Amino acid sequence: MFANGAFDAKPFLNTIVSKGYLPIVKKGITNPRIEALTIEFGDRIKTKREESFKTRVILRLIVYCLKIIIRWIYE
């Protein structure tokens, strides 16, 4: 089983091993919040200008936060 660093925790790894899987965890700095944005919007922003890049990142964060707020309101 392949996993990223977010799954590198003893309880999780013990469960995987007990089921007969060999965990292969990608090491590195992982942040679940950043990974949520990556899953939501993709990991690449196609732009050449730094100003456009910053604008797109901010807009993605705003959209993601609005989505979370809407979920809180209607749950």
PDB file of N, CA and C in Angstrom:
ATOM      1  N   MET A   1       0.841  -1.172   0.000  1.00  0.00           N
ATOM      2  CA  MET A   1       0.000   0.000   0.000  1.00  0.00           C
ATOM      3  C   MET A   1       0.888   1.237   0.000  1.00  0.00           C
ATOM      4  N   PHE A   2       0.621   2.156  -0.915  1.00  0.00           N
ATOM      5  CA  PHE A   2       1.337   3.421  -0.966  1.00  0.00           C
ATOM      6  C   PHE A   2       0.538   4.475  -0.205  1.00  0.00           C
ATOM      7  N   ALA A   3       1.219   5.309   0.544  1.00  0.00           N
ATOM      8  CA  ALA A   3       0.559   6.382   1.291  1.00  0.00           C
ATOM      9  C   ALA A   3       1.518   7.549   1.419  1.00  0.00           C
ATOM     10  N   ASN A   4       0.969   8.719   1.692  1.00  0.00           N
ATOM     11  CA  ASN A   4       1.831   9.871   1.915  1.00  0.00           C
ATOM     12  C   ASN A   4       2.099  10.022   3.404  1.00  0.00           C
ATOM     13  N   GLY A   5       2.833  11.041   3.779  1.00  0.00           N
ATOM     14  CA  GLY A   5       3.241  11.232   5.160  1.00  0.00           C
ATOM     15  C   GLY A   5       2.096  11.451   6.135  1.00  0.00           C
ATOM     16  N   ALA A   6       0.918  11.840   5.648  1.00  0.00           N
ATOM     17  CA  ALA A   6      -0.236  12.037   6.528  1.00  0.00           C
ATOM     18  C   ALA A   6      -0.673  10.732   7.172  1.00  0.00           C
ATOM     19  N   PHE A   7      -0.340   9.601   6.557  1.00  0.00           N
ATOM     20  CA  PHE A   7      -0.714   8.295   7.086  1.00  0.00           C
ATOM     21  C   PHE A   7       0.407   7.647   7.893  1.00  0.00           C
ATOM     22  N   ASP A   8       1.458   8.397   8.168  1.00  0.00           N
ATOM     23  CA  ASP A   8       2.604   7.868   8.895  1.00  0.00           C
ATOM     24  C   ASP A   8       2.377   7.987  10.398  1.00  0.00           C
ATOM     25  N   ALA A   9       1.445   7.206  10.911  1.00  0.00           N
ATOM     26  CA  ALA A   9       1.135   7.181  12.336  1.00  0.00           C
ATOM     27  C   ALA A   9       1.078   5.726  12.787  1.00  0.00           C
ATOM     28  N   LYS A  10       1.561   5.458  13.972  1.00  0.00           N
ATOM     29  CA  LYS A  10       1.645   4.071  14.452  1.00  0.00           C
ATOM     30  C   LYS A  10       0.309   3.334  14.433  1.00  0.00           C
ATOM     31  N   PRO A  11      -0.783   3.914  14.937  1.00  0.00           N
ATOM     32  CA  PRO A  11      -2.044   3.157  14.922  1.00  0.00           C
ATOM     33  C   PRO A  11      -2.468   2.764  13.501  1.00  0.00           C
ATOM     34  N   PHE A  12      -2.313   3.681  12.583  1.00  0.00           N
ATOM     35  CA  PHE A  12      -2.692   3.395  11.195  1.00  0.00           C
ATOM     36  C   PHE A  12      -1.783   2.321  10.600  1.00  0.00           C
ATOM     37  N   LEU A  13      -0.490   2.478  10.782  1.00  0.00           N
ATOM     38  CA  LEU A  13       0.451   1.505  10.233  1.00  0.00           C
ATOM     39  C   LEU A  13       0.250   0.125  10.848  1.00  0.00           C
ATOM     40  N   ASN A  14      -0.039   0.052  12.149  1.00  0.00           N
ATOM     41  CA  ASN A  14      -0.303  -1.239  12.794  1.00  0.00           C
ATOM     42  C   ASN A  14      -1.530  -1.912  12.198  1.00  0.00           C
ATOM     43  N   THR A  15      -2.561  -1.136  11.904  1.00  0.00           N
ATOM     44  CA  THR A  15      -3.765  -1.692  11.285  1.00  0.00           C
ATOM     45  C   THR A  15      -3.462  -2.240   9.900  1.00  0.00           C
ATOM     46  N   ILE A  16      -2.698  -1.500   9.125  1.00  0.00           N
ATOM     47  CA  ILE A  16      -2.349  -1.936   7.770  1.00  0.00           C
ATOM     48  C   ILE A  16      -1.536  -3.227   7.808  1.00  0.00           C
ATOM     49  N   VAL A  17      -0.547  -3.285   8.694  1.00  0.00           N
ATOM     50  CA  VAL A  17       0.308  -4.473   8.795  1.00  0.00           C
ATOM     51  C   VAL A  17      -0.503  -5.671   9.277  1.00  0.00           C
ATOM     52  N   SER A  18      -1.425  -5.457  10.221  1.00  0.00           N
ATOM     53  CA  SER A  18      -2.238  -6.563  10.735  1.00  0.00           C
ATOM     54  C   SER A  18      -3.142  -7.150   9.656  1.00  0.00           C
ATOM     55  N   LYS A  19      -3.461  -6.369   8.636  1.00  0.00           N
ATOM     56  CA  LYS A  19      -4.289  -6.868   7.532  1.00  0.00           C
ATOM     57  C   LYS A  19      -3.459  -7.500   6.424  1.00  0.00           C
ATOM     58  N   GLY A  20      -2.131  -7.515   6.616  1.00  0.00           N
ATOM     59  CA  GLY A  20      -1.266  -8.194   5.659  1.00  0.00           C
ATOM     60  C   GLY A  20      -0.676  -7.316   4.575  1.00  0.00           C
ATOM     61  N   TYR A  21      -0.847  -6.018   4.667  1.00  0.00           N
ATOM     62  CA  TYR A  21      -0.288  -5.114   3.674  1.00  0.00           C
ATOM     63  C   TYR A  21       1.094  -4.634   4.102  1.00  0.00           C
ATOM     64  N   LEU A  22       1.912  -4.286   3.143  1.00  0.00           N
ATOM     65  CA  LEU A  22       3.209  -3.696   3.413  1.00  0.00           C
ATOM     66  C   LEU A  22       3.097  -2.198   3.141  1.00  0.00           C
ATOM     67  N   PRO A  23       3.128  -1.370   4.186  1.00  0.00           N
ATOM     68  CA  PRO A  23       2.973   0.067   3.951  1.00  0.00           C
ATOM     69  C   PRO A  23       4.251   0.687   3.400  1.00  0.00           C
ATOM     70  N   ILE A  24       4.106   1.500   2.378  1.00  0.00           N
ATOM     71  CA  ILE A  24       5.208   2.269   1.817  1.00  0.00           C
ATOM     72  C   ILE A  24       4.774   3.724   1.919  1.00  0.00           C
ATOM     73  N   VAL A  25       5.363   4.429   2.864  1.00  0.00           N
ATOM     74  CA  VAL A  25       4.947   5.802   3.157  1.00  0.00           C
ATOM     75  C   VAL A  25       5.961   6.771   2.590  1.00  0.00           C
ATOM     76  N   LYS A  26       5.476   7.725   1.805  1.00  0.00           N
ATOM     77  CA  LYS A  26       6.326   8.774   1.259  1.00  0.00           C
ATOM     78  C   LYS A  26       6.656   9.750   2.371  1.00  0.00           C
ATOM     79  N   LYS A  27       7.920   9.899   2.673  1.00  0.00           N
ATOM     80  CA  LYS A  27       8.345  10.803   3.737  1.00  0.00           C
ATOM     81  C   LYS A  27       8.362  12.236   3.226  1.00  0.00           C
ATOM     82  N   GLY A  28       8.308  13.144   4.128  1.00  0.00           N
ATOM     83  CA  GLY A  28       8.356  14.553   3.769  1.00  0.00           C
ATOM     84  C   GLY A  28       7.374  15.336   4.606  1.00  0.00           C
ATOM     85  N   ILE A  29       7.394  16.609   4.422  1.00  0.00           N
ATOM     86  CA  ILE A  29       6.495  17.471   5.173  1.00  0.00           C
ATOM     87  C   ILE A  29       5.134  17.426   4.508  1.00  0.00           C
ATOM     88  N   THR A  30       4.144  17.050   5.277  1.00  0.00           N
ATOM     89  CA  THR A  30       2.787  17.038   4.750  1.00  0.00           C
ATOM     90  C   THR A  30       1.904  17.862   5.660  1.00  0.00           C
ATOM     91  N   ASN A  31       1.017  18.562   5.061  1.00  0.00           N
ATOM     92  CA  ASN A  31       0.071  19.378   5.791  1.00  0.00           C
ATOM     93  C   ASN A  31      -1.316  19.030   5.269  1.00  0.00           C
ATOM     94  N   PRO A  32      -2.178  18.448   6.095  1.00  0.00           N
ATOM     95  CA  PRO A  32      -3.500  18.035   5.612  1.00  0.00           C
ATOM     96  C   PRO A  32      -4.300  19.173   4.992  1.00  0.00           C
ATOM     97  N   ARG A  33      -4.128  20.393   5.494  1.00  0.00           N
ATOM     98  CA  ARG A  33      -4.876  21.518   4.919  1.00  0.00           C
ATOM     99  C   ARG A  33      -4.419  21.811   3.495  1.00  0.00           C
ATOM    100  N   ILE A  34      -3.119  21.797   3.279  1.00  0.00           N
ATOM    101  CA  ILE A  34      -2.591  22.027   1.933  1.00  0.00           C
ATOM    102  C   ILE A  34      -2.991  20.885   1.014  1.00  0.00           C
ATOM    103  N   GLU A  35      -2.955  19.667   1.527  1.00  0.00           N
ATOM    104  CA  GLU A  35      -3.342  18.527   0.701  1.00  0.00           C
ATOM    105  C   GLU A  35      -4.813  18.591   0.339  1.00  0.00           C
ATOM    106  N   ALA A  36      -5.658  19.104   1.225  1.00  0.00           N
ATOM    107  CA  ALA A  36      -7.080  19.270   0.901  1.00  0.00           C
ATOM    108  C   ALA A  36      -7.241  20.228  -0.254  1.00  0.00           C
ATOM    109  N   LEU A  37      -6.466  21.309  -0.259  1.00  0.00           N
ATOM    110  CA  LEU A  37      -6.538  22.255  -1.375  1.00  0.00           C
ATOM    111  C   LEU A  37      -6.014  21.625  -2.655  1.00  0.00           C
ATOM    112  N   THR A  38      -4.977  20.806  -2.533  1.00  0.00           N
ATOM    113  CA  THR A  38      -4.430  20.136  -3.705  1.00  0.00           C
ATOM    114  C   THR A  38      -5.450  19.182  -4.294  1.00  0.00           C
ATOM    115  N   ILE A  39      -6.143  18.459  -3.445  1.00  0.00           N
ATOM    116  CA  ILE A  39      -7.174  17.535  -3.923  1.00  0.00           C
ATOM    117  C   ILE A  39      -8.313  18.308  -4.568  1.00  0.00           C
ATOM    118  N   GLU A  40      -8.678  19.422  -3.974  1.00  0.00           N
ATOM    119  CA  GLU A  40      -9.798  20.216  -4.470  1.00  0.00           C
ATOM    120  C   GLU A  40      -9.502  20.889  -5.808  1.00  0.00           C
ATOM    121  N   PHE A  41      -8.305  21.457  -5.963  1.00  0.00           N
ATOM    122  CA  PHE A  41      -8.012  22.295  -7.120  1.00  0.00           C
ATOM    123  C   PHE A  41      -6.896  21.785  -8.021  1.00  0.00           C
ATOM    124  N   GLY A  42      -6.201  20.743  -7.622  1.00  0.00           N
ATOM    125  CA  GLY A  42      -5.052  20.294  -8.405  1.00  0.00           C
ATOM    126  C   GLY A  42      -3.777  20.892  -7.836  1.00  0.00           C
ATOM    127  N   ASP A  43      -2.642  20.344  -8.258  1.00  0.00           N
ATOM    128  CA  ASP A  43      -1.381  20.773  -7.650  1.00  0.00           C
ATOM    129  C   ASP A  43      -0.590  21.746  -8.497  1.00  0.00           C
ATOM    130  N   ARG A  44      -1.146  22.175  -9.609  1.00  0.00           N
ATOM    131  CA  ARG A  44      -0.405  23.109 -10.461  1.00  0.00           C
ATOM    132  C   ARG A  44      -1.260  24.312 -10.806  1.00  0.00           C
ATOM    133  N   ILE A  45      -0.629  25.450 -10.840  1.00  0.00           N
ATOM    134  CA  ILE A  45      -1.282  26.677 -11.270  1.00  0.00           C
ATOM    135  C   ILE A  45      -0.534  27.149 -12.508  1.00  0.00           C
ATOM    136  N   LYS A  46      -1.231  27.166 -13.620  1.00  0.00           N
ATOM    137  CA  LYS A  46      -0.586  27.483 -14.892  1.00  0.00           C
ATOM    138  C   LYS A  46      -0.625  28.983 -15.145  1.00  0.00           C
ATOM    139  N   THR A  47       0.426  29.640 -14.788  1.00  0.00           N
ATOM    140  CA  THR A  47       0.559  31.066 -15.043  1.00  0.00           C
ATOM    141  C   THR A  47       2.037  31.435 -15.065  1.00  0.00           C
ATOM    142  N   LYS A  48       2.365  32.477 -15.773  1.00  0.00           N
ATOM    143  CA  LYS A  48       3.759  32.912 -15.869  1.00  0.00           C
ATOM    144  C   LYS A  48       4.058  34.094 -14.947  1.00  0.00           C
ATOM    145  N   ARG A  49       3.050  34.897 -14.701  1.00  0.00           N
ATOM    146  CA  ARG A  49       3.264  36.093 -13.884  1.00  0.00           C
ATOM    147  C   ARG A  49       3.044  35.785 -12.406  1.00  0.00           C
ATOM    148  N   GLU A  50       3.916  36.299 -11.565  1.00  0.00           N
ATOM    149  CA  GLU A  50       3.809  36.072 -10.124  1.00  0.00           C
ATOM    150  C   GLU A  50       2.525  36.667  -9.559  1.00  0.00           C
ATOM    151  N   GLU A  51       2.130  37.820 -10.066  1.00  0.00           N
ATOM    152  CA  GLU A  51       0.905  38.462  -9.595  1.00  0.00           C
ATOM    153  C   GLU A  51      -0.322  37.591  -9.883  1.00  0.00           C
ATOM    154  N   SER A  52      -0.366  36.993 -11.057  1.00  0.00           N
ATOM    155  CA  SER A  52      -1.470  36.094 -11.409  1.00  0.00           C
ATOM    156  C   SER A  52      -1.468  34.858 -10.527  1.00  0.00           C
ATOM    157  N   PHE A  53      -0.285  34.344 -10.242  1.00  0.00           N
ATOM    158  CA  PHE A  53      -0.152  33.177  -9.380  1.00  0.00           C
ATOM    159  C   PHE A  53      -0.722  33.468  -7.992  1.00  0.00           C
ATOM    160  N   LYS A  54      -0.320  34.598  -7.408  1.00  0.00           N
ATOM    161  CA  LYS A  54      -0.795  34.960  -6.073  1.00  0.00           C
ATOM    162  C   LYS A  54      -2.309  35.163  -6.064  1.00  0.00           C
ATOM    163  N   THR A  55      -2.829  35.804  -7.095  1.00  0.00           N
ATOM    164  CA  THR A  55      -4.267  36.038  -7.195  1.00  0.00           C
ATOM    165  C   THR A  55      -5.024  34.725  -7.258  1.00  0.00           C
ATOM    166  N   ARG A  56      -4.549  33.795  -8.058  1.00  0.00           N
ATOM    167  CA  ARG A  56      -5.218  32.503  -8.184  1.00  0.00           C
ATOM    168  C   ARG A  56      -5.172  31.703  -6.889  1.00  0.00           C
ATOM    169  N   VAL A  57      -4.062  31.755  -6.185  1.00  0.00           N
ATOM    170  CA  VAL A  57      -3.964  31.046  -4.903  1.00  0.00           C
ATOM    171  C   VAL A  57      -4.949  31.631  -3.903  1.00  0.00           C
ATOM    172  N   ILE A  58      -5.004  32.948  -3.813  1.00  0.00           N
ATOM    173  CA  ILE A  58      -5.934  33.604  -2.878  1.00  0.00           C
ATOM    174  C   ILE A  58      -7.377  33.273  -3.238  1.00  0.00           C
ATOM    175  N   LEU A  59      -7.710  33.313  -4.522  1.00  0.00           N
ATOM    176  CA  LEU A  59      -9.077  32.988  -4.940  1.00  0.00           C
ATOM    177  C   LEU A  59      -9.429  31.541  -4.615  1.00  0.00           C
ATOM    178  N   ARG A  60      -8.489  30.631  -4.789  1.00  0.00           N
ATOM    179  CA  ARG A  60      -8.737  29.229  -4.450  1.00  0.00           C
ATOM    180  C   ARG A  60      -8.984  29.069  -2.954  1.00  0.00           C
ATOM    181  N   LEU A  61      -8.220  29.779  -2.140  1.00  0.00           N
ATOM    182  CA  LEU A  61      -8.429  29.717  -0.696  1.00  0.00           C
ATOM    183  C   LEU A  61      -9.794  30.276  -0.308  1.00  0.00           C
ATOM    184  N   ILE A  62     -10.185  31.374  -0.932  1.00  0.00           N
ATOM    185  CA  ILE A  62     -11.488  31.972  -0.642  1.00  0.00           C
ATOM    186  C   ILE A  62     -12.618  31.014  -1.013  1.00  0.00           C
ATOM    187  N   VAL A  63     -12.530  30.423  -2.186  1.00  0.00           N
ATOM    188  CA  VAL A  63     -13.566  29.481  -2.633  1.00  0.00           C
ATOM    189  C   VAL A  63     -13.646  28.290  -1.694  1.00  0.00           C
ATOM    190  N   TYR A  64     -12.494  27.767  -1.295  1.00  0.00           N
ATOM    191  CA  TYR A  64     -12.466  26.619  -0.400  1.00  0.00           C
ATOM    192  C   TYR A  64     -13.073  26.982   0.965  1.00  0.00           C
ATOM    193  N   CYS A  65     -12.729  28.142   1.492  1.00  0.00           N
ATOM    194  CA  CYS A  65     -13.285  28.570   2.784  1.00  0.00           C
ATOM    195  C   CYS A  65     -14.792  28.783   2.695  1.00  0.00           C
ATOM    196  N   LEU A  66     -15.258  29.368   1.617  1.00  0.00           N
ATOM    197  CA  LEU A  66     -16.701  29.551   1.428  1.00  0.00           C
ATOM    198  C   LEU A  66     -17.424  28.209   1.368  1.00  0.00           C
ATOM    199  N   LYS A  67     -16.824  27.258   0.721  1.00  0.00           N
ATOM    200  CA  LYS A  67     -17.404  25.913   0.638  1.00  0.00           C
ATOM    201  C   LYS A  67     -17.542  25.305   2.032  1.00  0.00           C
ATOM    202  N   ILE A  68     -16.515  25.448   2.866  1.00  0.00           N
ATOM    203  CA  ILE A  68     -16.557  24.930   4.230  1.00  0.00           C
ATOM    204  C   ILE A  68     -17.624  25.653   5.050  1.00  0.00           C
ATOM    205  N   ILE A  69     -17.719  26.968   4.908  1.00  0.00           N
ATOM    206  CA  ILE A  69     -18.732  27.747   5.647  1.00  0.00           C
ATOM    207  C   ILE A  69     -20.126  27.326   5.248  1.00  0.00           C
ATOM    208  N   ILE A  70     -20.358  27.127   3.971  1.00  0.00           N
ATOM    209  CA  ILE A  70     -21.681  26.695   3.493  1.00  0.00           C
ATOM    210  C   ILE A  70     -22.023  25.328   4.062  1.00  0.00           C
ATOM    211  N   ARG A  71     -21.050  24.432   4.130  1.00  0.00           N
ATOM    212  CA  ARG A  71     -21.308  23.119   4.744  1.00  0.00           C
ATOM    213  C   ARG A  71     -21.695  23.268   6.205  1.00  0.00           C
ATOM    214  N   TRP A  72     -21.003  24.150   6.956  1.00  0.00           N
ATOM    215  CA  TRP A  72     -21.333  24.351   8.373  1.00  0.00           C
ATOM    216  C   TRP A  72     -22.751  24.885   8.539  1.00  0.00           C
ATOM    217  N   ILE A  73     -23.135  25.803   7.675  1.00  0.00           N
ATOM    218  CA  ILE A  73     -24.454  26.429   7.801  1.00  0.00           C
ATOM    219  C   ILE A  73     -25.575  25.414   7.569  1.00  0.00           C
ATOM    220  N   TYR A  74     -25.399  24.552   6.580  1.00  0.00           N
ATOM    221  CA  TYR A  74     -26.477  23.643   6.185  1.00  0.00           C
ATOM    222  C   TYR A  74     -26.370  22.246   6.779  1.00  0.00           C
ATOM    223  N   GLU A  75     -25.522  22.047   7.764  1.00  0.00           N
ATOM    224  CA  GLU A  75     -25.461  20.738   8.433  1.00  0.00           C
ATOM    225  C   GLU A  75     -26.223  20.763   9.715  1.00  0.00           C
TER     226      GLU A  75
END
